[in-house]
């Protein structure tokens, strides 16, 4: 796999960051999809970085395809998304989680506060 984006950290506040990874498949045997990617939103609670949301297309329980890992949930929500769509969705989901669970409002831009 050829790295296009590796562990890129986008900080939206001192205690909120988005980590991006994106790789391009160089041959069909490397990965079932042409791109392999992950987006992970983290919140620093004063002691450690906590994952509040993750969207990726890594293999999950033997299945290919994009899916969403939500804060404090074991199950994932399968959703067909591109890397760009996932980037918008993780910000929207994270904005809600940050307000509801951590009482912190972050403006991610990208119409994250629309219904």
PDB file of N, CA and C in Angstrom:
ATOM      1  N   UNK A   1       0.852  -1.176   0.000  1.00  0.00           N
ATOM      2  CA  UNK A   1       0.000   0.000   0.000  1.00  0.00           C
ATOM      3  C   UNK A   1       0.901   1.243   0.000  1.00  0.00           C
ATOM      4  N   UNK A   2       0.515   2.199  -0.787  1.00  0.00           N
ATOM      5  CA  UNK A   2       1.260   3.448  -0.862  1.00  0.00           C
ATOM      6  C   UNK A   2       0.577   4.485   0.025  1.00  0.00           C
ATOM      7  N   UNK A   3       1.299   5.027   1.021  1.00  0.00           N
ATOM      8  CA  UNK A   3       0.674   6.033   1.892  1.00  0.00           C
ATOM      9  C   UNK A   3       0.451   7.354   1.150  1.00  0.00           C
ATOM     10  N   UNK A   4      -0.776   7.869   1.253  1.00  0.00           N
ATOM     11  CA  UNK A   4      -1.101   9.190   0.722  1.00  0.00           C
ATOM     12  C   UNK A   4      -1.202  10.195   1.860  1.00  0.00           C
ATOM     13  N   UNK A   5      -1.780   9.760   2.975  1.00  0.00           N
ATOM     14  CA  UNK A   5      -1.867  10.555   4.209  1.00  0.00           C
ATOM     15  C   UNK A   5      -1.558   9.590   5.345  1.00  0.00           C
ATOM     16  N   UNK A   6      -0.587   9.939   6.200  1.00  0.00           N
ATOM     17  CA  UNK A   6      -0.231   9.050   7.301  1.00  0.00           C
ATOM     18  C   UNK A   6      -0.219   9.797   8.621  1.00  0.00           C
ATOM     19  N   UNK A   7      -1.119   9.403   9.513  1.00  0.00           N
ATOM     20  CA  UNK A   7      -1.202   9.970  10.864  1.00  0.00           C
ATOM     21  C   UNK A   7      -1.209  11.499  10.870  1.00  0.00           C
ATOM     22  N   UNK A   8      -1.995  12.076   9.974  1.00  0.00           N
ATOM     23  CA  UNK A   8      -2.150  13.529   9.929  1.00  0.00           C
ATOM     24  C   UNK A   8      -3.078  13.948  11.059  1.00  0.00           C
ATOM     25  N   UNK A   9      -2.616  14.839  11.919  1.00  0.00           N
ATOM     26  CA  UNK A   9      -3.408  15.338  13.044  1.00  0.00           C
ATOM     27  C   UNK A   9      -3.953  16.719  12.706  1.00  0.00           C
ATOM     28  N   UNK A  10      -5.275  16.852  12.748  1.00  0.00           N
ATOM     29  CA  UNK A  10      -5.929  18.152  12.590  1.00  0.00           C
ATOM     30  C   UNK A  10      -6.520  18.515  13.940  1.00  0.00           C
ATOM     31  N   UNK A  11      -5.997  19.561  14.555  1.00  0.00           N
ATOM     32  CA  UNK A  11      -6.492  19.997  15.864  1.00  0.00           C
ATOM     33  C   UNK A  11      -7.604  21.023  15.671  1.00  0.00           C
ATOM     34  N   UNK A  12      -8.727  20.801  16.370  1.00  0.00           N
ATOM     35  CA  UNK A  12      -9.854  21.725  16.349  1.00  0.00           C
ATOM     36  C   UNK A  12      -9.973  22.474  17.672  1.00  0.00           C
ATOM     37  N   UNK A  13      -9.264  21.986  18.662  1.00  0.00           N
ATOM     38  CA  UNK A  13      -9.123  22.614  19.975  1.00  0.00           C
ATOM     39  C   UNK A  13      -7.909  21.939  20.608  1.00  0.00           C
ATOM     40  N   UNK A  14      -7.471  22.474  21.717  1.00  0.00           N
ATOM     41  CA  UNK A  14      -6.340  21.880  22.424  1.00  0.00           C
ATOM     42  C   UNK A  14      -6.597  20.423  22.782  1.00  0.00           C
ATOM     43  N   UNK A  15      -7.868  20.090  22.992  1.00  0.00           N
ATOM     44  CA  UNK A  15      -8.233  18.750  23.443  1.00  0.00           C
ATOM     45  C   UNK A  15      -9.089  17.960  22.448  1.00  0.00           C
ATOM     46  N   UNK A  16      -9.140  18.407  21.209  1.00  0.00           N
ATOM     47  CA  UNK A  16      -9.912  17.700  20.186  1.00  0.00           C
ATOM     48  C   UNK A  16      -9.086  17.656  18.903  1.00  0.00           C
ATOM     49  N   UNK A  17      -8.880  16.408  18.413  1.00  0.00           N
ATOM     50  CA  UNK A  17      -8.117  16.273  17.174  1.00  0.00           C
ATOM     51  C   UNK A  17      -8.669  15.138  16.321  1.00  0.00           C
ATOM     52  N   UNK A  18      -8.480  15.297  15.024  1.00  0.00           N
ATOM     53  CA  UNK A  18      -8.869  14.296  14.050  1.00  0.00           C
ATOM     54  C   UNK A  18      -7.594  13.723  13.449  1.00  0.00           C
ATOM     55  N   UNK A  19      -7.476  12.390  13.470  1.00  0.00           N
ATOM     56  CA  UNK A  19      -6.317  11.706  12.897  1.00  0.00           C
ATOM     57  C   UNK A  19      -6.762  11.053  11.598  1.00  0.00           C
ATOM     58  N   UNK A  20      -6.027  11.346  10.512  1.00  0.00           N
ATOM     59  CA  UNK A  20      -6.381  10.833   9.189  1.00  0.00           C
ATOM     60  C   UNK A  20      -5.296   9.916   8.649  1.00  0.00           C
ATOM     61  N   UNK A  21      -5.733   8.823   8.029  1.00  0.00           N
ATOM     62  CA  UNK A  21      -4.844   7.899   7.330  1.00  0.00           C
ATOM     63  C   UNK A  21      -5.504   7.493   6.017  1.00  0.00           C
ATOM     64  N   UNK A  22      -4.702   7.456   4.951  1.00  0.00           N
ATOM     65  CA  UNK A  22      -5.205   7.086   3.633  1.00  0.00           C
ATOM     66  C   UNK A  22      -4.079   6.404   2.851  1.00  0.00           C
ATOM     67  N   UNK A  23      -4.358   5.201   2.344  1.00  0.00           N
ATOM     68  CA  UNK A  23      -3.388   4.466   1.543  1.00  0.00           C
ATOM     69  C   UNK A  23      -4.019   4.073   0.216  1.00  0.00           C
ATOM     70  N   UNK A  24      -3.208   4.029  -0.822  1.00  0.00           N
ATOM     71  CA  UNK A  24      -3.652   3.607  -2.152  1.00  0.00           C
ATOM     72  C   UNK A  24      -3.122   2.204  -2.419  1.00  0.00           C
ATOM     73  N   UNK A  25      -4.007   1.338  -2.849  1.00  0.00           N
ATOM     74  CA  UNK A  25      -3.631  -0.029  -3.194  1.00  0.00           C
ATOM     75  C   UNK A  25      -2.760  -0.011  -4.456  1.00  0.00           C
ATOM     76  N   UNK A  26      -1.662  -0.757  -4.426  1.00  0.00           N
ATOM     77  CA  UNK A  26      -0.784  -0.818  -5.593  1.00  0.00           C
ATOM     78  C   UNK A  26      -1.034  -2.061  -6.447  1.00  0.00           C
ATOM     79  N   UNK A  27      -1.652  -3.096  -5.858  1.00  0.00           N
ATOM     80  CA  UNK A  27      -2.090  -4.247  -6.652  1.00  0.00           C
ATOM     81  C   UNK A  27      -3.302  -4.876  -5.969  1.00  0.00           C
ATOM     82  N   UNK A  28      -4.046  -5.654  -6.719  1.00  0.00           N
ATOM     83  CA  UNK A  28      -5.318  -6.213  -6.246  1.00  0.00           C
ATOM     84  C   UNK A  28      -5.193  -7.121  -5.025  1.00  0.00           C
ATOM     85  N   UNK A  29      -4.037  -7.713  -4.814  1.00  0.00           N
ATOM     86  CA  UNK A  29      -3.856  -8.639  -3.690  1.00  0.00           C
ATOM     87  C   UNK A  29      -3.666  -7.912  -2.354  1.00  0.00           C
ATOM     88  N   UNK A  30      -3.321  -6.639  -2.397  1.00  0.00           N
ATOM     89  CA  UNK A  30      -3.040  -5.901  -1.166  1.00  0.00           C
ATOM     90  C   UNK A  30      -4.276  -5.648  -0.311  1.00  0.00           C
ATOM     91  N   UNK A  31      -5.376  -5.290  -0.973  1.00  0.00           N
ATOM     92  CA  UNK A  31      -6.581  -4.909  -0.234  1.00  0.00           C
ATOM     93  C   UNK A  31      -7.776  -5.008  -1.176  1.00  0.00           C
ATOM     94  N   UNK A  32      -8.966  -5.363  -0.673  1.00  0.00           N
ATOM     95  CA  UNK A  32     -10.131  -5.524  -1.556  1.00  0.00           C
ATOM     96  C   UNK A  32     -10.602  -4.236  -2.240  1.00  0.00           C
ATOM     97  N   UNK A  33     -10.337  -3.075  -1.635  1.00  0.00           N
ATOM     98  CA  UNK A  33     -10.760  -1.798  -2.215  1.00  0.00           C
ATOM     99  C   UNK A  33      -9.530  -1.026  -2.679  1.00  0.00           C
ATOM    100  N   UNK A  34      -9.709  -0.070  -3.602  1.00  0.00           N
ATOM    101  CA  UNK A  34      -8.564   0.659  -4.147  1.00  0.00           C
ATOM    102  C   UNK A  34      -7.925   1.603  -3.123  1.00  0.00           C
ATOM    103  N   UNK A  35      -8.722   2.076  -2.149  1.00  0.00           N
ATOM    104  CA  UNK A  35      -8.196   2.916  -1.071  1.00  0.00           C
ATOM    105  C   UNK A  35      -8.521   2.281   0.277  1.00  0.00           C
ATOM    106  N   UNK A  36      -7.577   2.364   1.188  1.00  0.00           N
ATOM    107  CA  UNK A  36      -7.798   1.937   2.571  1.00  0.00           C
ATOM    108  C   UNK A  36      -7.629   3.190   3.414  1.00  0.00           C
ATOM    109  N   UNK A  37      -8.599   3.449   4.300  1.00  0.00           N
ATOM    110  CA  UNK A  37      -8.555   4.710   5.029  1.00  0.00           C
ATOM    111  C   UNK A  37      -9.174   4.591   6.414  1.00  0.00           C
ATOM    112  N   UNK A  38      -8.817   5.567   7.261  1.00  0.00           N
ATOM    113  CA  UNK A  38      -9.384   5.651   8.612  1.00  0.00           C
ATOM    114  C   UNK A  38      -9.375   7.100   9.065  1.00  0.00           C
ATOM    115  N   UNK A  39     -10.448   7.484   9.736  1.00  0.00           N
ATOM    116  CA  UNK A  39     -10.574   8.791  10.375  1.00  0.00           C
ATOM    117  C   UNK A  39     -10.935   8.539  11.834  1.00  0.00           C
ATOM    118  N   UNK A  40     -10.215   9.167  12.745  1.00  0.00           N
ATOM    119  CA  UNK A  40     -10.430   8.927  14.173  1.00  0.00           C
ATOM    120  C   UNK A  40     -10.464  10.261  14.914  1.00  0.00           C
ATOM    121  N   UNK A  41     -11.609  10.550  15.558  1.00  0.00           N
ATOM    122  CA  UNK A  41     -11.742  11.770  16.343  1.00  0.00           C
ATOM    123  C   UNK A  41     -11.415  11.435  17.790  1.00  0.00           C
ATOM    124  N   UNK A  42     -10.520  12.225  18.377  1.00  0.00           N
ATOM    125  CA  UNK A  42     -10.068  11.994  19.741  1.00  0.00           C
ATOM    126  C   UNK A  42     -10.336  13.208  20.612  1.00  0.00           C
ATOM    127  N   UNK A  43     -10.629  12.942  21.888  1.00  0.00           N
ATOM    128  CA  UNK A  43     -10.886  13.981  22.882  1.00  0.00           C
ATOM    129  C   UNK A  43      -9.964  13.723  24.077  1.00  0.00           C
ATOM    130  N   UNK A  44      -9.249  14.759  24.523  1.00  0.00           N
ATOM    131  CA  UNK A  44      -8.367  14.625  25.684  1.00  0.00           C
ATOM    132  C   UNK A  44      -9.133  15.033  26.935  1.00  0.00           C
ATOM    133  N   UNK A  45      -9.308  14.088  27.843  1.00  0.00           N
ATOM    134  CA  UNK A  45     -10.123  14.318  29.045  1.00  0.00           C
ATOM    135  C   UNK A  45      -9.317  14.834  30.239  1.00  0.00           C
ATOM    136  N   UNK A  46      -8.067  15.208  29.999  1.00  0.00           N
ATOM    137  CA  UNK A  46      -7.198  15.676  31.074  1.00  0.00           C
ATOM    138  C   UNK A  46      -6.202  14.613  31.501  1.00  0.00           C
ATOM    139  N   UNK A  47      -6.484  13.351  31.159  1.00  0.00           N
ATOM    140  CA  UNK A  47      -5.592  12.243  31.496  1.00  0.00           C
ATOM    141  C   UNK A  47      -5.128  11.487  30.262  1.00  0.00           C
ATOM    142  N   UNK A  48      -6.060  11.267  29.336  1.00  0.00           N
ATOM    143  CA  UNK A  48      -5.731  10.477  28.147  1.00  0.00           C
ATOM    144  C   UNK A  48      -6.607  10.887  26.967  1.00  0.00           C
ATOM    145  N   UNK A  49      -6.155  10.515  25.763  1.00  0.00           N
ATOM    146  CA  UNK A  49      -6.939  10.737  24.557  1.00  0.00           C
ATOM    147  C   UNK A  49      -7.968   9.617  24.432  1.00  0.00           C
ATOM    148  N   UNK A  50      -9.229   9.993  24.265  1.00  0.00           N
ATOM    149  CA  UNK A  50     -10.337   9.052  24.170  1.00  0.00           C
ATOM    150  C   UNK A  50     -10.899   9.107  22.748  1.00  0.00           C
ATOM    151  N   UNK A  51     -11.119   7.945  22.157  1.00  0.00           N
ATOM    152  CA  UNK A  51     -11.759   7.902  20.845  1.00  0.00           C
ATOM    153  C   UNK A  51     -13.253   8.168  21.006  1.00  0.00           C
ATOM    154  N   UNK A  52     -13.737   9.213  20.351  1.00  0.00           N
ATOM    155  CA  UNK A  52     -15.175   9.484  20.423  1.00  0.00           C
ATOM    156  C   UNK A  52     -15.908   9.015  19.168  1.00  0.00           C
ATOM    157  N   UNK A  53     -15.164   8.883  18.074  1.00  0.00           N
ATOM    158  CA  UNK A  53     -15.749   8.357  16.846  1.00  0.00           C
ATOM    159  C   UNK A  53     -14.613   7.921  15.927  1.00  0.00           C
ATOM    160  N   UNK A  54     -14.873   6.861  15.178  1.00  0.00           N
ATOM    161  CA  UNK A  54     -13.920   6.390  14.174  1.00  0.00           C
ATOM    162  C   UNK A  54     -14.734   5.894  12.994  1.00  0.00           C
ATOM    163  N   UNK A  55     -14.317   6.295  11.802  1.00  0.00           N
ATOM    164  CA  UNK A  55     -14.926   5.786  10.582  1.00  0.00           C
ATOM    165  C   UNK A  55     -13.790   5.262   9.721  1.00  0.00           C
ATOM    166  N   UNK A  56     -13.925   4.019   9.270  1.00  0.00           N
ATOM    167  CA  UNK A  56     -12.874   3.434   8.445  1.00  0.00           C
ATOM    168  C   UNK A  56     -13.453   2.412   7.494  1.00  0.00           C
ATOM    169  N   UNK A  57     -12.618   1.936   6.584  1.00  0.00           N
ATOM    170  CA  UNK A  57     -13.033   0.849   5.700  1.00  0.00           C
ATOM    171  C   UNK A  57     -12.101  -0.350   5.871  1.00  0.00           C
ATOM    172  N   UNK A  58     -11.501  -0.470   7.050  1.00  0.00           N
ATOM    173  CA  UNK A  58     -10.699  -1.644   7.379  1.00  0.00           C
ATOM    174  C   UNK A  58     -11.625  -2.859   7.457  1.00  0.00           C
ATOM    175  N   UNK A  59     -11.068  -4.036   7.297  1.00  0.00           N
ATOM    176  CA  UNK A  59     -11.860  -5.247   7.496  1.00  0.00           C
ATOM    177  C   UNK A  59     -12.367  -5.255   8.932  1.00  0.00           C
ATOM    178  N   UNK A  60     -13.641  -5.542   9.100  1.00  0.00           N
ATOM    179  CA  UNK A  60     -14.232  -5.612  10.434  1.00  0.00           C
ATOM    180  C   UNK A  60     -15.035  -6.898  10.519  1.00  0.00           C
ATOM    181  N   UNK A  61     -14.631  -7.766  11.423  1.00  0.00           N
ATOM    182  CA  UNK A  61     -15.269  -9.076  11.575  1.00  0.00           C
ATOM    183  C   UNK A  61     -15.363  -9.794  10.233  1.00  0.00           C
ATOM    184  N   UNK A  62     -14.278  -9.689   9.445  1.00  0.00           N
ATOM    185  CA  UNK A  62     -14.187 -10.385   8.167  1.00  0.00           C
ATOM    186  C   UNK A  62     -14.926  -9.741   7.012  1.00  0.00           C
ATOM    187  N   UNK A  63     -15.573  -8.611   7.236  1.00  0.00           N
ATOM    188  CA  UNK A  63     -16.344  -7.941   6.182  1.00  0.00           C
ATOM    189  C   UNK A  63     -15.634  -6.681   5.716  1.00  0.00           C
ATOM    190  N   UNK A  64     -15.661  -6.463   4.402  1.00  0.00           N
ATOM    191  CA  UNK A  64     -15.098  -5.237   3.852  1.00  0.00           C
ATOM    192  C   UNK A  64     -16.179  -4.158   3.852  1.00  0.00           C
ATOM    193  N   UNK A  65     -15.743  -2.924   3.719  1.00  0.00           N
ATOM    194  CA  UNK A  65     -16.688  -1.815   3.609  1.00  0.00           C
ATOM    195  C   UNK A  65     -16.583  -0.832   4.752  1.00  0.00           C
ATOM    196  N   UNK A  66     -16.983   0.376   4.482  1.00  0.00           N
ATOM    197  CA  UNK A  66     -16.896   1.442   5.480  1.00  0.00           C
ATOM    198  C   UNK A  66     -17.917   1.236   6.592  1.00  0.00           C
ATOM    199  N   UNK A  67     -17.531   1.691   7.765  1.00  0.00           N
ATOM    200  CA  UNK A  67     -18.392   1.551   8.941  1.00  0.00           C
ATOM    201  C   UNK A  67     -17.985   2.570   9.996  1.00  0.00           C
ATOM    202  N   UNK A  68     -18.907   2.814  10.935  1.00  0.00           N
ATOM    203  CA  UNK A  68     -18.745   3.849  11.957  1.00  0.00           C
ATOM    204  C   UNK A  68     -18.666   3.202  13.339  1.00  0.00           C
ATOM    205  N   UNK A  69     -17.633   3.563  14.089  1.00  0.00           N
ATOM    206  CA  UNK A  69     -17.492   3.161  15.491  1.00  0.00           C
ATOM    207  C   UNK A  69     -17.878   4.375  16.332  1.00  0.00           C
ATOM    208  N   UNK A  70     -18.883   4.248  17.175  1.00  0.00           N
ATOM    209  CA  UNK A  70     -19.342   5.361  18.001  1.00  0.00           C
ATOM    210  C   UNK A  70     -18.836   5.239  19.433  1.00  0.00           C
ATOM    211  N   UNK A  71     -18.740   6.363  20.109  1.00  0.00           N
ATOM    212  CA  UNK A  71     -18.275   6.441  21.490  1.00  0.00           C
ATOM    213  C   UNK A  71     -19.068   5.497  22.392  1.00  0.00           C
ATOM    214  N   UNK A  72     -18.348   4.673  23.139  1.00  0.00           N
ATOM    215  CA  UNK A  72     -18.919   3.737  24.121  1.00  0.00           C
ATOM    216  C   UNK A  72     -19.878   2.702  23.528  1.00  0.00           C
ATOM    217  N   UNK A  73     -19.724   2.380  22.262  1.00  0.00           N
ATOM    218  CA  UNK A  73     -20.562   1.359  21.625  1.00  0.00           C
ATOM    219  C   UNK A  73     -19.662   0.250  21.097  1.00  0.00           C
ATOM    220  N   UNK A  74     -20.060  -1.004  21.317  1.00  0.00           N
ATOM    221  CA  UNK A  74     -19.283  -2.134  20.811  1.00  0.00           C
ATOM    222  C   UNK A  74     -19.599  -2.430  19.353  1.00  0.00           C
ATOM    223  N   UNK A  75     -20.872  -2.309  18.976  1.00  0.00           N
ATOM    224  CA  UNK A  75     -21.263  -2.617  17.610  1.00  0.00           C
ATOM    225  C   UNK A  75     -20.901  -1.447  16.688  1.00  0.00           C
ATOM    226  N   UNK A  76     -20.753  -1.760  15.408  1.00  0.00           N
ATOM    227  CA  UNK A  76     -20.478  -0.719  14.419  1.00  0.00           C
ATOM    228  C   UNK A  76     -21.711  -0.535  13.543  1.00  0.00           C
ATOM    229  N   UNK A  77     -21.788   0.622  12.929  1.00  0.00           N
ATOM    230  CA  UNK A  77     -22.875   0.921  11.995  1.00  0.00           C
ATOM    231  C   UNK A  77     -22.274   0.914  10.588  1.00  0.00           C
ATOM    232  N   UNK A  78     -22.735   0.011   9.764  1.00  0.00           N
ATOM    233  CA  UNK A  78     -22.236  -0.073   8.392  1.00  0.00           C
ATOM    234  C   UNK A  78     -22.887   1.022   7.557  1.00  0.00           C
ATOM    235  N   UNK A  79     -22.049   1.724   6.804  1.00  0.00           N
ATOM    236  CA  UNK A  79     -22.539   2.814   5.977  1.00  0.00           C
ATOM    237  C   UNK A  79     -21.591   2.979   4.802  1.00  0.00           C
ATOM    238  N   UNK A  80     -22.111   2.958   3.599  1.00  0.00           N
ATOM    239  CA  UNK A  80     -21.300   3.096   2.400  1.00  0.00           C
ATOM    240  C   UNK A  80     -20.862   4.555   2.259  1.00  0.00           C
ATOM    241  N   UNK A  81     -19.553   4.799   2.441  1.00  0.00           N
ATOM    242  CA  UNK A  81     -19.023   6.164   2.424  1.00  0.00           C
ATOM    243  C   UNK A  81     -17.692   6.217   1.683  1.00  0.00           C
ATOM    244  N   UNK A  82     -17.444   7.340   1.046  1.00  0.00           N
ATOM    245  CA  UNK A  82     -16.110   7.615   0.515  1.00  0.00           C
ATOM    246  C   UNK A  82     -15.294   8.266   1.634  1.00  0.00           C
ATOM    247  N   UNK A  83     -14.009   8.416   1.422  1.00  0.00           N
ATOM    248  CA  UNK A  83     -13.142   9.085   2.395  1.00  0.00           C
ATOM    249  C   UNK A  83     -13.638  10.510   2.653  1.00  0.00           C
ATOM    250  N   UNK A  84     -14.011  11.223   1.592  1.00  0.00           N
ATOM    251  CA  UNK A  84     -14.484  12.608   1.725  1.00  0.00           C
ATOM    252  C   UNK A  84     -15.816  12.675   2.481  1.00  0.00           C
ATOM    253  N   UNK A  85     -16.720  11.758   2.192  1.00  0.00           N
ATOM    254  CA  UNK A  85     -18.003  11.728   2.898  1.00  0.00           C
ATOM    255  C   UNK A  85     -17.805  11.400   4.374  1.00  0.00           C
ATOM    256  N   UNK A  86     -16.885  10.477   4.636  1.00  0.00           N
ATOM    257  CA  UNK A  86     -16.588  10.100   6.023  1.00  0.00           C
ATOM    258  C   UNK A  86     -15.988  11.267   6.790  1.00  0.00           C
ATOM    259  N   UNK A  87     -15.178  12.085   6.121  1.00  0.00           N
ATOM    260  CA  UNK A  87     -14.571  13.256   6.757  1.00  0.00           C
ATOM    261  C   UNK A  87     -15.649  14.228   7.236  1.00  0.00           C
ATOM    262  N   UNK A  88     -16.670  14.442   6.428  1.00  0.00           N
ATOM    263  CA  UNK A  88     -17.776  15.329   6.827  1.00  0.00           C
ATOM    264  C   UNK A  88     -18.615  14.694   7.939  1.00  0.00           C
ATOM    265  N   UNK A  89     -18.903  13.387   7.788  1.00  0.00           N
ATOM    266  CA  UNK A  89     -19.759  12.708   8.757  1.00  0.00           C
ATOM    267  C   UNK A  89     -19.114  12.613  10.139  1.00  0.00           C
ATOM    268  N   UNK A  90     -17.816  12.343  10.203  1.00  0.00           N
ATOM    269  CA  UNK A  90     -17.174  12.204  11.517  1.00  0.00           C
ATOM    270  C   UNK A  90     -17.227  13.527  12.282  1.00  0.00           C
ATOM    271  N   UNK A  91     -17.138  14.626  11.579  1.00  0.00           N
ATOM    272  CA  UNK A  91     -17.221  15.937  12.231  1.00  0.00           C
ATOM    273  C   UNK A  91     -18.633  16.192  12.759  1.00  0.00           C
ATOM    274  N   UNK A  92     -19.627  15.811  11.980  1.00  0.00           N
ATOM    275  CA  UNK A  92     -21.018  15.996  12.393  1.00  0.00           C
ATOM    276  C   UNK A  92     -21.340  15.132  13.617  1.00  0.00           C
ATOM    277  N   UNK A  93     -20.970  13.860  13.568  1.00  0.00           N
ATOM    278  CA  UNK A  93     -21.205  12.952  14.690  1.00  0.00           C
ATOM    279  C   UNK A  93     -20.446  13.427  15.928  1.00  0.00           C
ATOM    280  N   UNK A  94     -19.188  13.790  15.744  1.00  0.00           N
ATOM    281  CA  UNK A  94     -18.346  14.207  16.871  1.00  0.00           C
ATOM    282  C   UNK A  94     -18.846  15.484  17.525  1.00  0.00           C
ATOM    283  N   UNK A  95     -19.354  16.413  16.732  1.00  0.00           N
ATOM    284  CA  UNK A  95     -19.904  17.650  17.292  1.00  0.00           C
ATOM    285  C   UNK A  95     -21.027  17.331  18.268  1.00  0.00           C
ATOM    286  N   UNK A  96     -21.896  16.402  17.903  1.00  0.00           N
ATOM    287  CA  UNK A  96     -23.004  15.995  18.767  1.00  0.00           C
ATOM    288  C   UNK A  96     -22.500  15.296  20.029  1.00  0.00           C
ATOM    289  N   UNK A  97     -21.572  14.358  19.871  1.00  0.00           N
ATOM    290  CA  UNK A  97     -21.026  13.621  21.025  1.00  0.00           C
ATOM    291  C   UNK A  97     -20.314  14.568  21.983  1.00  0.00           C
ATOM    292  N   UNK A  98     -19.547  15.500  21.447  1.00  0.00           N
ATOM    293  CA  UNK A  98     -18.817  16.447  22.305  1.00  0.00           C
ATOM    294  C   UNK A  98     -19.764  17.302  23.136  1.00  0.00           C
ATOM    295  N   UNK A  99     -20.866  17.720  22.555  1.00  0.00           N
ATOM    296  CA  UNK A  99     -21.846  18.523  23.301  1.00  0.00           C
ATOM    297  C   UNK A  99     -22.568  17.651  24.336  1.00  0.00           C
ATOM    298  N   UNK A 100     -23.067  16.498  23.900  1.00  0.00           N
ATOM    299  CA  UNK A 100     -23.894  15.656  24.779  1.00  0.00           C
ATOM    300  C   UNK A 100     -23.099  14.982  25.896  1.00  0.00           C
ATOM    301  N   UNK A 101     -21.898  14.527  25.619  1.00  0.00           N
ATOM    302  CA  UNK A 101     -21.140  13.741  26.602  1.00  0.00           C
ATOM    303  C   UNK A 101     -20.083  14.543  27.352  1.00  0.00           C
ATOM    304  N   UNK A 102     -19.545  15.594  26.721  1.00  0.00           N
ATOM    305  CA  UNK A 102     -18.433  16.327  27.319  1.00  0.00           C
ATOM    306  C   UNK A 102     -18.708  17.817  27.499  1.00  0.00           C
ATOM    307  N   UNK A 103     -19.923  18.240  27.145  1.00  0.00           N
ATOM    308  CA  UNK A 103     -20.332  19.632  27.293  1.00  0.00           C
ATOM    309  C   UNK A 103     -19.346  20.597  26.632  1.00  0.00           C
ATOM    310  N   UNK A 104     -18.876  20.222  25.454  1.00  0.00           N
ATOM    311  CA  UNK A 104     -17.928  21.061  24.719  1.00  0.00           C
ATOM    312  C   UNK A 104     -18.421  21.261  23.297  1.00  0.00           C
ATOM    313  N   UNK A 105     -18.530  22.518  22.905  1.00  0.00           N
ATOM    314  CA  UNK A 105     -18.974  22.832  21.551  1.00  0.00           C
ATOM    315  C   UNK A 105     -17.767  23.177  20.693  1.00  0.00           C
ATOM    316  N   UNK A 106     -17.638  22.482  19.579  1.00  0.00           N
ATOM    317  CA  UNK A 106     -16.549  22.710  18.630  1.00  0.00           C
ATOM    318  C   UNK A 106     -17.168  23.029  17.282  1.00  0.00           C
ATOM    319  N   UNK A 107     -16.672  24.064  16.641  1.00  0.00           N
ATOM    320  CA  UNK A 107     -17.124  24.397  15.299  1.00  0.00           C
ATOM    321  C   UNK A 107     -16.146  23.763  14.313  1.00  0.00           C
ATOM    322  N   UNK A 108     -16.584  22.691  13.675  1.00  0.00           N
ATOM    323  CA  UNK A 108     -15.759  22.012  12.680  1.00  0.00           C
ATOM    324  C   UNK A 108     -15.920  22.632  11.308  1.00  0.00           C
ATOM    325  N   UNK A 109     -16.847  23.591  11.176  1.00  0.00           N
ATOM    326  CA  UNK A 109     -17.165  24.101   9.854  1.00  0.00           C
ATOM    327  C   UNK A 109     -17.972  23.036   9.126  1.00  0.00           C
ATOM    328  N   UNK A 110     -17.924  22.992   7.824  1.00  0.00           N
ATOM    329  CA  UNK A 110     -18.567  21.936   7.035  1.00  0.00           C
ATOM    330  C   UNK A 110     -19.992  21.626   7.453  1.00  0.00           C
ATOM    331  N   UNK A 111     -20.794  22.601   7.793  1.00  0.00           N
ATOM    332  CA  UNK A 111     -22.208  22.451   8.163  1.00  0.00           C
ATOM    333  C   UNK A 111     -22.470  21.330   9.182  1.00  0.00           C
ATOM    334  N   UNK A 112     -21.603  21.182  10.175  1.00  0.00           N
ATOM    335  CA  UNK A 112     -21.736  20.110  11.163  1.00  0.00           C
ATOM    336  C   UNK A 112     -22.912  20.312  12.110  1.00  0.00           C
ATOM    337  N   UNK A 113     -23.443  21.489  12.197  1.00  0.00           N
ATOM    338  CA  UNK A 113     -24.542  21.739  13.144  1.00  0.00           C
ATOM    339  C   UNK A 113     -25.901  21.777  12.471  1.00  0.00           C
ATOM    340  N   UNK A 114     -25.958  21.392  11.180  1.00  0.00           N
ATOM    341  CA  UNK A 114     -27.251  21.350  10.496  1.00  0.00           C
ATOM    342  C   UNK A 114     -27.956  20.050  10.824  1.00  0.00           C
ATOM    343  N   UNK A 115     -29.269  20.063  10.749  1.00  0.00           N
ATOM    344  CA  UNK A 115     -30.063  18.841  10.982  1.00  0.00           C
ATOM    345  C   UNK A 115     -30.269  18.079   9.708  1.00  0.00           C
TER     346      UNK A 115
END
